[in-house]
C-alpha atoms as a PDB file:
ATOM      1  CA  UNK A   1       0.000   0.000   0.000  1.00  0.00           C
ATOM      2  CA  UNK A   2       2.826   2.391   0.873  1.00  0.00           C
ATOM      3  CA  UNK A   3       4.530   1.609  -2.441  1.00  0.00           C
ATOM      4  CA  UNK A   4       1.302   2.337  -4.336  1.00  0.00           C
ATOM      5  CA  UNK A   5       0.766   5.620  -2.474  1.00  0.00           C
ATOM      6  CA  UNK A   6       4.329   6.745  -3.184  1.00  0.00           C
ATOM      7  CA  UNK A   7       3.882   5.888  -6.853  1.00  0.00           C
ATOM      8  CA  UNK A   8       0.631   7.895  -7.001  1.00  0.00           C
ATOM      9  CA  UNK A   9       2.402  10.942  -5.582  1.00  0.00           C
ATOM     10  CA  UNK A  10       5.188  10.515  -8.126  1.00  0.00           C
ATOM     11  CA  UNK A  11       2.636  10.171 -10.938  1.00  0.00           C
ATOM     12  CA  UNK A  12       0.824  13.300  -9.769  1.00  0.00           C
ATOM     13  CA  UNK A  13       4.097  15.228  -9.649  1.00  0.00           C
ATOM     14  CA  UNK A  14       4.919  14.183 -13.219  1.00  0.00           C
ATOM     15  CA  UNK A  15       1.464  15.203 -14.472  1.00  0.00           C
ATOM     16  CA  UNK A  16       1.883  18.627 -12.873  1.00  0.00           C
ATOM     17  CA  UNK A  17       5.348  19.192 -14.326  1.00  0.00           C
ATOM     18  CA  UNK A  18       4.242  19.529 -17.969  1.00  0.00           C
ATOM     19  CA  UNK A  19       0.961  19.581 -19.939  1.00  0.00           C
ATOM     20  CA  UNK A  20       1.046  16.227 -21.775  1.00  0.00           C
ATOM     21  CA  UNK A  21       2.519  12.797 -21.029  1.00  0.00           C
ATOM     22  CA  UNK A  22       2.435   9.712 -23.283  1.00  0.00           C
ATOM     23  CA  UNK A  23       1.378   6.636 -21.316  1.00  0.00           C
ATOM     24  CA  UNK A  24       4.499   4.704 -22.307  1.00  0.00           C
ATOM     25  CA  UNK A  25       6.773   7.497 -21.043  1.00  0.00           C
ATOM     26  CA  UNK A  26       4.953   7.626 -17.710  1.00  0.00           C
ATOM     27  CA  UNK A  27       5.324   3.866 -17.366  1.00  0.00           C
ATOM     28  CA  UNK A  28       9.067   4.130 -18.060  1.00  0.00           C
ATOM     29  CA  UNK A  29       9.516   6.934 -15.521  1.00  0.00           C
ATOM     30  CA  UNK A  30       7.612   5.008 -12.850  1.00  0.00           C
ATOM     31  CA  UNK A  31       9.126   1.632 -13.645  1.00  0.00           C
ATOM     32  CA  UNK A  32       5.751  -0.048 -14.199  1.00  0.00           C
ATOM     33  CA  UNK A  33       3.604  -1.253 -17.093  1.00  0.00           C
ATOM     34  CA  UNK A  34       1.184   0.932 -19.037  1.00  0.00           C
ATOM     35  CA  UNK A  35      -1.641  -1.126 -17.524  1.00  0.00           C
ATOM     36  CA  UNK A  36      -0.492  -0.120 -14.031  1.00  0.00           C
ATOM     37  CA  UNK A  37      -0.375   3.515 -15.165  1.00  0.00           C
ATOM     38  CA  UNK A  38      -4.008   3.236 -16.282  1.00  0.00           C
ATOM     39  CA  UNK A  39      -5.002   1.826 -12.898  1.00  0.00           C
ATOM     40  CA  UNK A  40      -3.078   4.568 -11.053  1.00  0.00           C
ATOM     41  CA  UNK A  41      -4.749   7.235 -13.187  1.00  0.00           C
ATOM     42  CA  UNK A  42      -8.136   5.782 -12.223  1.00  0.00           C
ATOM     43  CA  UNK A  43      -7.119   5.998  -8.544  1.00  0.00           C
ATOM     44  CA  UNK A  44      -6.183   9.680  -8.965  1.00  0.00           C
ATOM     45  CA  UNK A  45      -9.574  10.333 -10.570  1.00  0.00           C
ATOM     46  CA  UNK A  46     -11.295   8.627  -7.629  1.00  0.00           C
ATOM     47  CA  UNK A  47      -9.430  11.052  -5.353  1.00  0.00           C
ATOM     48  CA  UNK A  48     -10.752  14.018  -7.333  1.00  0.00           C
ATOM     49  CA  UNK A  49      -7.847  14.791  -9.652  1.00  0.00           C
ATOM     50  CA  UNK A  50      -9.138  15.631 -13.168  1.00  0.00           C
ATOM     51  CA  UNK A  51      -6.777  13.499 -15.258  1.00  0.00           C
ATOM     52  CA  UNK A  52      -7.750  13.618 -18.933  1.00  0.00           C
ATOM     53  CA  UNK A  53      -6.941  10.836 -21.433  1.00  0.00           C
ATOM     54  CA  UNK A  54      -5.968  11.125 -25.081  1.00  0.00           C
ATOM     55  CA  UNK A  55      -7.091   8.410 -27.490  1.00  0.00           C
ATOM     56  CA  UNK A  56      -4.871   6.816 -30.115  1.00  0.00           C
ATOM     57  CA  UNK A  57      -2.228   4.145 -30.470  1.00  0.00           C
ATOM     58  CA  UNK A  58       0.193   5.675 -27.989  1.00  0.00           C
ATOM     59  CA  UNK A  59      -2.369   7.312 -25.706  1.00  0.00           C
ATOM     60  CA  UNK A  60      -1.536  10.015 -23.214  1.00  0.00           C
ATOM     61  CA  UNK A  61      -2.602  11.922 -20.111  1.00  0.00           C
ATOM     62  CA  UNK A  62      -2.831  15.474 -18.875  1.00  0.00           C
ATOM     63  CA  UNK A  63      -3.974  17.093 -15.645  1.00  0.00           C
ATOM     64  CA  UNK A  64      -7.041  19.192 -16.351  1.00  0.00           C
ATOM     65  CA  UNK A  65      -8.838  21.916 -14.414  1.00  0.00           C
ATOM     66  CA  UNK A  66     -11.404  20.549 -11.987  1.00  0.00           C
ATOM     67  CA  UNK A  67     -14.625  21.958 -10.594  1.00  0.00           C
ATOM     68  CA  UNK A  68     -13.382  21.427  -7.052  1.00  0.00           C
ATOM     69  CA  UNK A  69     -10.025  21.620  -5.351  1.00  0.00           C
ATOM     70  CA  UNK A  70      -8.544  18.088  -5.323  1.00  0.00           C
ATOM     71  CA  UNK A  71      -7.365  16.705  -1.966  1.00  0.00           C
ATOM     72  CA  UNK A  72      -3.967  18.434  -1.695  1.00  0.00           C
ATOM     73  CA  UNK A  73      -3.972  18.177   2.108  1.00  0.00           C
ATOM     74  CA  UNK A  74      -4.885  21.892   2.120  1.00  0.00           C
ATOM     75  CA  UNK A  75      -8.207  23.408   3.096  1.00  0.00           C
ATOM     76  CA  UNK A  76      -9.552  26.485   1.267  1.00  0.00           C
ATOM     77  CA  UNK A  77      -7.994  28.978   3.684  1.00  0.00           C
ATOM     78  CA  UNK A  78      -4.617  27.261   3.468  1.00  0.00           C
ATOM     79  CA  UNK A  79      -4.767  27.141  -0.327  1.00  0.00           C
ATOM     80  CA  UNK A  80      -5.547  30.891  -0.507  1.00  0.00           C
ATOM     81  CA  UNK A  81      -2.716  31.650   1.908  1.00  0.00           C
ATOM     82  CA  UNK A  82      -0.263  29.608  -0.144  1.00  0.00           C
ATOM     83  CA  UNK A  83      -1.242  31.279  -3.437  1.00  0.00           C
ATOM     84  CA  UNK A  84      -1.032  34.804  -1.980  1.00  0.00           C
ATOM     85  CA  UNK A  85       2.336  33.993  -0.423  1.00  0.00           C
ATOM     86  CA  UNK A  86       3.673  32.568  -3.673  1.00  0.00           C
ATOM     87  CA  UNK A  87       2.480  35.592  -5.622  1.00  0.00           C
ATOM     88  CA  UNK A  88       4.204  37.915  -3.154  1.00  0.00           C
ATOM     89  CA  UNK A  89       7.421  35.906  -3.456  1.00  0.00           C
ATOM     90  CA  UNK A  90       7.150  35.791  -7.261  1.00  0.00           C
ATOM     91  CA  UNK A  91       7.140  39.602  -7.474  1.00  0.00           C
ATOM     92  CA  UNK A  92      10.434  39.758  -5.645  1.00  0.00           C
ATOM     93  CA  UNK A  93       9.341  40.630  -2.110  1.00  0.00           C
ATOM     94  CA  UNK A  94      11.184  37.540  -0.851  1.00  0.00           C
ATOM     95  CA  UNK A  95      14.583  37.391  -2.549  1.00  0.00           C
ATOM     96  CA  UNK A  96      16.126  34.120  -3.639  1.00  0.00           C
ATOM     97  CA  UNK A  97      12.933  32.101  -4.142  1.00  0.00           C
ATOM     98  CA  UNK A  98      11.300  33.913  -7.080  1.00  0.00           C
ATOM     99  CA  UNK A  99      11.837  31.207  -9.704  1.00  0.00           C
ATOM    100  CA  UNK A 100      10.825  28.403  -7.341  1.00  0.00           C
ATOM    101  CA  UNK A 101       7.709  30.353  -6.328  1.00  0.00           C
ATOM    102  CA  UNK A 102       6.716  30.781  -9.972  1.00  0.00           C
ATOM    103  CA  UNK A 103       7.001  27.056 -10.647  1.00  0.00           C
ATOM    104  CA  UNK A 104       4.924  26.218  -7.584  1.00  0.00           C
ATOM    105  CA  UNK A 105       2.382  28.933  -8.411  1.00  0.00           C
ATOM    106  CA  UNK A 106       1.970  27.663 -11.980  1.00  0.00           C
ATOM    107  CA  UNK A 107       1.230  24.158 -10.633  1.00  0.00           C
ATOM    108  CA  UNK A 108      -1.223  25.298  -7.967  1.00  0.00           C
ATOM    109  CA  UNK A 109      -3.187  27.780 -10.085  1.00  0.00           C
ATOM    110  CA  UNK A 110      -3.610  25.096 -12.750  1.00  0.00           C
ATOM    111  CA  UNK A 111      -6.028  23.220 -10.480  1.00  0.00           C
ATOM    112  CA  UNK A 112      -7.415  26.059  -8.351  1.00  0.00           C
ATOM    113  CA  UNK A 113     -11.255  26.139  -8.510  1.00  0.00           C
ATOM    114  CA  UNK A 114     -12.939  29.375  -9.573  1.00  0.00           C
ATOM    115  CA  UNK A 115     -14.363  30.171  -6.111  1.00  0.00           C
ATOM    116  CA  UNK A 116     -10.839  30.295  -4.704  1.00  0.00           C
ATOM    117  CA  UNK A 117      -9.533  32.285  -7.672  1.00  0.00           C
ATOM    118  CA  UNK A 118     -12.038  35.021  -6.778  1.00  0.00           C
ATOM    119  CA  UNK A 119     -10.949  35.000  -3.137  1.00  0.00           C
ATOM    120  CA  UNK A 120      -7.291  35.222  -4.107  1.00  0.00           C
ATOM    121  CA  UNK A 121      -8.036  38.094  -6.489  1.00  0.00           C
ATOM    122  CA  UNK A 122      -9.995  39.980  -3.841  1.00  0.00           C
ATOM    123  CA  UNK A 123      -7.263  39.554  -1.241  1.00  0.00           C
ATOM    124  CA  UNK A 124      -4.528  40.511  -3.695  1.00  0.00           C
ATOM    125  CA  UNK A 125      -6.337  43.726  -4.673  1.00  0.00           C
ATOM    126  CA  UNK A 126      -6.608  44.733  -1.002  1.00  0.00           C
ATOM    127  CA  UNK A 127      -2.901  44.292  -0.252  1.00  0.00           C
ATOM    128  CA  UNK A 128      -0.601  47.307  -0.636  1.00  0.00           C
ATOM    129  CA  UNK A 129       3.025  46.135  -0.803  1.00  0.00           C
ATOM    130  CA  UNK A 130       5.729  48.653   0.087  1.00  0.00           C
ATOM    131  CA  UNK A 131       8.529  47.509  -2.192  1.00  0.00           C
ATOM    132  CA  UNK A 132      11.811  49.099  -3.106  1.00  0.00           C
ATOM    133  CA  UNK A 133      12.514  51.096  -6.273  1.00  0.00           C
ATOM    134  CA  UNK A 134      11.895  49.384  -9.561  1.00  0.00           C
ATOM    135  CA  UNK A 135       8.993  48.750 -11.933  1.00  0.00           C
ATOM    136  CA  UNK A 136       6.153  46.558 -10.700  1.00  0.00           C
ATOM    137  CA  UNK A 137       5.265  43.475 -12.729  1.00  0.00           C
ATOM    138  CA  UNK A 138       1.909  41.728 -12.511  1.00  0.00           C
ATOM    139  CA  UNK A 139       2.165  38.252 -10.995  1.00  0.00           C
ATOM    140  CA  UNK A 140      -0.354  36.862 -13.531  1.00  0.00           C
ATOM    141  CA  UNK A 141       1.943  37.980 -16.361  1.00  0.00           C
ATOM    142  CA  UNK A 142       4.926  36.301 -14.707  1.00  0.00           C
ATOM    143  CA  UNK A 143       2.898  33.138 -14.118  1.00  0.00           C
ATOM    144  CA  UNK A 144       1.795  33.017 -17.769  1.00  0.00           C
ATOM    145  CA  UNK A 145       5.368  33.461 -18.992  1.00  0.00           C
ATOM    146  CA  UNK A 146       6.689  30.866 -16.529  1.00  0.00           C
ATOM    147  CA  UNK A 147       4.062  28.361 -17.703  1.00  0.00           C
ATOM    148  CA  UNK A 148       5.021  29.012 -21.348  1.00  0.00           C
ATOM    149  CA  UNK A 149       8.697  28.438 -20.520  1.00  0.00           C
ATOM    150  CA  UNK A 150       7.892  25.192 -18.729  1.00  0.00           C
ATOM    151  CA  UNK A 151       5.582  23.889 -21.481  1.00  0.00           C
ATOM    152  CA  UNK A 152       7.832  25.027 -24.369  1.00  0.00           C
ATOM    153  CA  UNK A 153       5.008  27.085 -25.878  1.00  0.00           C
ATOM    154  CA  UNK A 154       5.718  30.083 -28.077  1.00  0.00           C
ATOM    155  CA  UNK A 155       4.203  33.467 -27.176  1.00  0.00           C
ATOM    156  CA  UNK A 156       3.415  36.755 -28.899  1.00  0.00           C
ATOM    157  CA  UNK A 157       3.372  40.113 -27.119  1.00  0.00           C
ATOM    158  CA  UNK A 158       3.627  43.827 -27.783  1.00  0.00           C
ATOM    159  CA  UNK A 159       7.033  45.317 -27.023  1.00  0.00           C
ATOM    160  CA  UNK A 160       8.137  48.867 -27.818  1.00  0.00           C
ATOM    161  CA  UNK A 161       5.301  49.307 -30.322  1.00  0.00           C
ATOM    162  CA  UNK A 162       6.099  46.067 -32.130  1.00  0.00           C
ATOM    163  CA  UNK A 163       4.703  42.554 -31.991  1.00  0.00           C
ATOM    164  CA  UNK A 164       7.347  40.053 -30.992  1.00  0.00           C
ATOM    165  CA  UNK A 165       7.115  36.308 -31.666  1.00  0.00           C
ATOM    166  CA  UNK A 166       9.408  34.359 -29.385  1.00  0.00           C
ATOM    167  CA  UNK A 167      10.227  30.989 -27.893  1.00  0.00           C
ATOM    168  CA  UNK A 168      10.472  31.671 -24.133  1.00  0.00           C
ATOM    169  CA  UNK A 169      13.147  29.896 -22.083  1.00  0.00           C
ATOM    170  CA  UNK A 170      13.884  31.592 -18.752  1.00  0.00           C
ATOM    171  CA  UNK A 171      12.635  34.344 -16.475  1.00  0.00           C
ATOM    172  CA  UNK A 172      15.450  36.352 -14.903  1.00  0.00           C
ATOM    173  CA  UNK A 173      15.062  38.486 -11.781  1.00  0.00           C
ATOM    174  CA  UNK A 174      17.812  41.003 -10.975  1.00  0.00           C
ATOM    175  CA  UNK A 175      16.316  42.259  -7.710  1.00  0.00           C
ATOM    176  CA  UNK A 176      14.772  45.339  -9.346  1.00  0.00           C
ATOM    177  CA  UNK A 177      13.534  44.134 -12.728  1.00  0.00           C
ATOM    178  CA  UNK A 178      12.215  40.996 -14.439  1.00  0.00           C
ATOM    179  CA  UNK A 179      13.526  39.896 -17.836  1.00  0.00           C
ATOM    180  CA  UNK A 180      12.458  37.165 -20.263  1.00  0.00           C
ATOM    181  CA  UNK A 181      15.204  35.249 -22.053  1.00  0.00           C
ATOM    182  CA  UNK A 182      13.774  34.072 -25.360  1.00  0.00           C
ATOM    183  CA  UNK A 183      14.665  33.214 -28.928  1.00  0.00           C
ATOM    184  CA  UNK A 184      13.275  35.948 -31.203  1.00  0.00           C
ATOM    185  CA  UNK A 185      11.825  34.232 -34.278  1.00  0.00           C
ATOM    186  CA  UNK A 186      11.780  37.383 -36.425  1.00  0.00           C
ATOM    187  CA  UNK A 187      15.398  38.321 -35.631  1.00  0.00           C
ATOM    188  CA  UNK A 188      16.552  34.686 -35.568  1.00  0.00           C
ATOM    189  CA  UNK A 189      18.606  35.287 -32.447  1.00  0.00           C
ATOM    190  CA  UNK A 190      18.511  35.240 -28.651  1.00  0.00           C
ATOM    191  CA  UNK A 191      17.098  38.313 -26.912  1.00  0.00           C
ATOM    192  CA  UNK A 192      16.231  39.536 -23.420  1.00  0.00           C
ATOM    193  CA  UNK A 193      13.007  41.479 -22.870  1.00  0.00           C
ATOM    194  CA  UNK A 194      12.086  43.612 -19.874  1.00  0.00           C
ATOM    195  CA  UNK A 195       8.765  42.194 -18.685  1.00  0.00           C
ATOM    196  CA  UNK A 196       7.515  45.579 -17.428  1.00  0.00           C
ATOM    197  CA  UNK A 197       7.874  46.970 -20.966  1.00  0.00           C
ATOM    198  CA  UNK A 198       5.515  44.424 -22.497  1.00  0.00           C
ATOM    199  CA  UNK A 199       2.562  46.548 -23.590  1.00  0.00           C
ATOM    200  CA  UNK A 200       0.170  43.685 -24.290  1.00  0.00           C
ATOM    201  CA  UNK A 201      -0.613  40.377 -22.616  1.00  0.00           C
ATOM    202  CA  UNK A 202       1.230  37.378 -24.080  1.00  0.00           C
ATOM    203  CA  UNK A 203      -0.775  35.353 -26.569  1.00  0.00           C
ATOM    204  CA  UNK A 204      -0.055  31.620 -26.816  1.00  0.00           C
ATOM    205  CA  UNK A 205       1.686  30.255 -29.875  1.00  0.00           C
ATOM    206  CA  UNK A 206       2.663  26.802 -31.127  1.00  0.00           C
ATOM    207  CA  UNK A 207       4.716  24.308 -29.135  1.00  0.00           C
ATOM    208  CA  UNK A 208       8.425  24.211 -29.982  1.00  0.00           C
ATOM    209  CA  UNK A 209      11.406  21.933 -29.530  1.00  0.00           C
ATOM    210  CA  UNK A 210      13.964  23.560 -27.203  1.00  0.00           C
ATOM    211  CA  UNK A 211      17.032  24.903 -28.979  1.00  0.00           C
ATOM    212  CA  UNK A 212      20.649  24.617 -27.918  1.00  0.00           C
ATOM    213  CA  UNK A 213      21.538  27.293 -25.385  1.00  0.00           C
ATOM    214  CA  UNK A 214      23.685  30.301 -26.423  1.00  0.00           C
ATOM    215  CA  UNK A 215      27.305  29.165 -27.014  1.00  0.00           C
ATOM    216  CA  UNK A 216      28.605  31.098 -24.005  1.00  0.00           C
ATOM    217  CA  UNK A 217      25.914  29.626 -21.735  1.00  0.00           C
ATOM    218  CA  UNK A 218      22.674  31.101 -20.440  1.00  0.00           C
ATOM    219  CA  UNK A 219      24.175  32.767 -17.366  1.00  0.00           C
ATOM    220  CA  UNK A 220      26.965  34.496 -19.300  1.00  0.00           C
ATOM    221  CA  UNK A 221      24.652  35.552 -22.138  1.00  0.00           C
ATOM    222  CA  UNK A 222      22.098  37.110 -19.798  1.00  0.00           C
ATOM    223  CA  UNK A 223      24.789  38.801 -17.718  1.00  0.00           C
ATOM    224  CA  UNK A 224      26.369  40.344 -20.840  1.00  0.00           C
ATOM    225  CA  UNK A 225      22.993  41.384 -22.217  1.00  0.00           C
ATOM    226  CA  UNK A 226      21.957  43.141 -19.019  1.00  0.00           C
ATOM    227  CA  UNK A 227      25.260  44.709 -17.949  1.00  0.00           C
ATOM    228  CA  UNK A 228      27.097  45.599 -21.176  1.00  0.00           C
ATOM    229  CA  UNK A 229      25.099  45.432 -24.392  1.00  0.00           C
ATOM    230  CA  UNK A 230      22.630  48.290 -23.743  1.00  0.00           C
ATOM    231  CA  UNK A 231      25.353  50.813 -22.892  1.00  0.00           C
ATOM    232  CA  UNK A 232      27.622  53.195 -24.833  1.00  0.00           C
ATOM    233  CA  UNK A 233      30.829  52.063 -23.148  1.00  0.00           C
ATOM    234  CA  UNK A 234      32.087  48.606 -22.234  1.00  0.00           C
ATOM    235  CA  UNK A 235      34.839  48.309 -19.674  1.00  0.00           C
ATOM    236  CA  UNK A 236      37.195  45.512 -18.651  1.00  0.00           C
ATOM    237  CA  UNK A 237      38.773  45.863 -15.208  1.00  0.00           C
ATOM    238  CA  UNK A 238      41.430  43.696 -13.578  1.00  0.00           C
ATOM    239  CA  UNK A 239      40.912  43.479  -9.808  1.00  0.00           C
ATOM    240  CA  UNK A 240      43.916  42.408  -7.757  1.00  0.00           C
ATOM    241  CA  UNK A 241      41.862  40.258  -5.383  1.00  0.00           C
ATOM    242  CA  UNK A 242      40.219  36.819  -5.521  1.00  0.00           C
ATOM    243  CA  UNK A 243      36.852  36.620  -7.245  1.00  0.00           C
ATOM    244  CA  UNK A 244      35.086  35.691  -3.987  1.00  0.00           C
ATOM    245  CA  UNK A 245      36.371  38.876  -2.320  1.00  0.00           C
ATOM    246  CA  UNK A 246      35.309  41.143  -5.194  1.00  0.00           C
ATOM    247  CA  UNK A 247      31.911  39.438  -5.448  1.00  0.00           C
ATOM    248  CA  UNK A 248      31.090  40.565  -1.905  1.00  0.00           C
ATOM    249  CA  UNK A 249      31.294  44.183  -3.095  1.00  0.00           C
ATOM    250  CA  UNK A 250      29.732  43.806  -6.553  1.00  0.00           C
ATOM    251  CA  UNK A 251      26.131  43.473  -7.658  1.00  0.00           C
ATOM    252  CA  UNK A 252      25.424  40.853 -10.365  1.00  0.00           C
ATOM    253  CA  UNK A 253      23.460  43.523 -12.251  1.00  0.00           C
ATOM    254  CA  UNK A 254      26.435  45.913 -12.308  1.00  0.00           C
ATOM    255  CA  UNK A 255      28.748  43.647 -14.255  1.00  0.00           C
ATOM    256  CA  UNK A 256      30.115  40.156 -14.786  1.00  0.00           C
ATOM    257  CA  UNK A 257      33.019  38.719 -12.824  1.00  0.00           C
ATOM    258  CA  UNK A 258      35.387  36.136 -14.304  1.00  0.00           C
ATOM    259  CA  UNK A 259      38.026  34.103 -12.496  1.00  0.00           C
ATOM    260  CA  UNK A 260      41.614  34.822 -13.620  1.00  0.00           C
ATOM    261  CA  UNK A 261      43.791  33.210 -10.986  1.00  0.00           C
ATOM    262  CA  UNK A 262      43.915  32.729  -7.213  1.00  0.00           C
ATOM    263  CA  UNK A 263      44.767  36.393  -6.613  1.00  0.00           C
ATOM    264  CA  UNK A 264      42.878  38.288  -9.321  1.00  0.00           C
ATOM    265  CA  UNK A 265      39.702  38.398 -11.404  1.00  0.00           C
ATOM    266  CA  UNK A 266      38.262  40.272 -14.358  1.00  0.00           C
ATOM    267  CA  UNK A 267      35.215  42.529 -14.208  1.00  0.00           C
ATOM    268  CA  UNK A 268      33.162  43.323 -17.331  1.00  0.00           C
ATOM    269  CA  UNK A 269      30.709  46.222 -17.092  1.00  0.00           C
ATOM    270  CA  UNK A 270      28.938  48.790 -19.203  1.00  0.00           C
ATOM    271  CA  UNK A 271      27.715  52.336 -18.772  1.00  0.00           C
ATOM    272  CA  UNK A 272      26.793  55.534 -20.567  1.00  0.00           C
ATOM    273  CA  UNK A 273      29.303  57.576 -18.526  1.00  0.00           C
ATOM    274  CA  UNK A 274      32.992  56.779 -18.109  1.00  0.00           C
ATOM    275  CA  UNK A 275      33.088  58.920 -14.961  1.00  0.00           C
ATOM    276  CA  UNK A 276      30.396  56.759 -13.357  1.00  0.00           C
ATOM    277  CA  UNK A 277      32.251  53.567 -14.258  1.00  0.00           C
ATOM    278  CA  UNK A 278      35.484  54.974 -12.817  1.00  0.00           C
ATOM    279  CA  UNK A 279      33.772  56.024  -9.586  1.00  0.00           C
ATOM    280  CA  UNK A 280      31.952  52.679  -9.210  1.00  0.00           C
ATOM    281  CA  UNK A 281      35.174  50.719  -9.572  1.00  0.00           C
ATOM    282  CA  UNK A 282      37.204  53.046  -7.335  1.00  0.00           C
ATOM    283  CA  UNK A 283      34.688  52.827  -4.490  1.00  0.00           C
ATOM    284  CA  UNK A 284      35.283  49.077  -4.147  1.00  0.00           C
ATOM    285  CA  UNK A 285      38.374  49.772  -2.075  1.00  0.00           C
ATOM    286  CA  UNK A 286      40.278  47.103  -4.041  1.00  0.00           C
ATOM    287  CA  UNK A 287      43.389  47.672  -6.163  1.00  0.00           C
ATOM    288  CA  UNK A 288      42.545  47.511  -9.848  1.00  0.00           C
ATOM    289  CA  UNK A 289      43.845  48.128 -13.343  1.00  0.00           C
ATOM    290  CA  UNK A 290      41.858  49.389 -16.337  1.00  0.00           C
ATOM    291  CA  UNK A 291      42.370  47.123 -19.340  1.00  0.00           C
ATOM    292  CA  UNK A 292      39.763  48.606 -21.660  1.00  0.00           C
ATOM    293  CA  UNK A 293      38.740  51.100 -23.011  1.00  0.00           C
ATOM    294  CA  UNK A 294      41.846  53.319 -23.125  1.00  0.00           C
ATOM    295  CA  UNK A 295      39.859  56.511 -22.503  1.00  0.00           C
ATOM    296  CA  UNK A 296      38.644  55.124 -19.177  1.00  0.00           C
ATOM    297  CA  UNK A 297      42.228  55.310 -17.907  1.00  0.00           C
ATOM    298  CA  UNK A 298      42.179  59.096 -18.397  1.00  0.00           C
ATOM    299  CA  UNK A 299      38.920  59.353 -16.475  1.00  0.00           C
ATOM    300  CA  UNK A 300      40.406  57.332 -13.605  1.00  0.00           C
ATOM    301  CA  UNK A 301      43.462  59.639 -13.485  1.00  0.00           C
ATOM    302  CA  UNK A 302      41.210  62.703 -13.501  1.00  0.00           C
ATOM    303  CA  UNK A 303      39.075  61.247 -10.700  1.00  0.00           C
ATOM    304  CA  UNK A 304      42.215  60.496  -8.656  1.00  0.00           C
ATOM    305  CA  UNK A 305      43.370  64.071  -9.124  1.00  0.00           C
ATOM    306  CA  UNK A 306      40.048  65.520  -7.995  1.00  0.00           C
ATOM    307  CA  UNK A 307      39.998  63.297  -4.925  1.00  0.00           C
ATOM    308  CA  UNK A 308      43.576  64.285  -4.074  1.00  0.00           C
ATOM    309  CA  UNK A 309      42.780  67.978  -4.390  1.00  0.00           C
ATOM    310  CA  UNK A 310      39.663  67.580  -2.268  1.00  0.00           C
ATOM    311  CA  UNK A 311      41.687  66.114   0.574  1.00  0.00           C
ATOM    312  CA  UNK A 312      44.514  68.648   0.497  1.00  0.00           C
END
């Protein structure tokens, strides 16, 4: 009995992780026969989970939207509290758990009955969060984009007075802003989009097969796109300190750090003002050397002279 119960929980988790599952693939994941999968699906239906079947040679299953909240070991009040808490975390009020909150929220709202959706909406509209500076992004928009990323479904949305058709891959939160990493079908290249600048709700598009990640890796691509590409100047700084030491004084949104050796690291950053870059680097309190661009060296010398004169 315990083995069957554990398998049912595993089956339910798989059904919630993506929209469609072939029966044979579920059987392989669970280590059972397709006949056992059919019996387990019937057990989930008896418990109130709306598992839908697809006809055909291969067959398949998906978790639908039910008229009542299935037995998740949560009562209505607990379910509302969880959804409101996840929405608050997804908008960045609790740092470090935004992506996890979005995944959990997408799963829970998929099976939330309408009566609880109204209660969540009413409670959310009555809450006034006092957040730090930065544009606010609607949690429903983030949830829709997260679901599209998880299901590998293309989306269309308005962005800077243009309609963009993309394959969404990741949501990126920098602490102040949300970005969508996606493959732009019209430009045939990877792009990052500020979610708060989307001027129309995303419309669903066709399913797609995930592409190979950018050659430099997702983390490096996003870091370069957010900290260097949009700016007039790009700077390369050599810090004479280990990467771990410099990282304690550097925001990930200010630039990208790269290990050089045990006693030094490289810092790549961008900006529209060389004076601001010089001041930002100087305030770290760590010995450094400007590698690029050459004109930044003159700005650093001028800043040093002004600081010297101010202290004399």
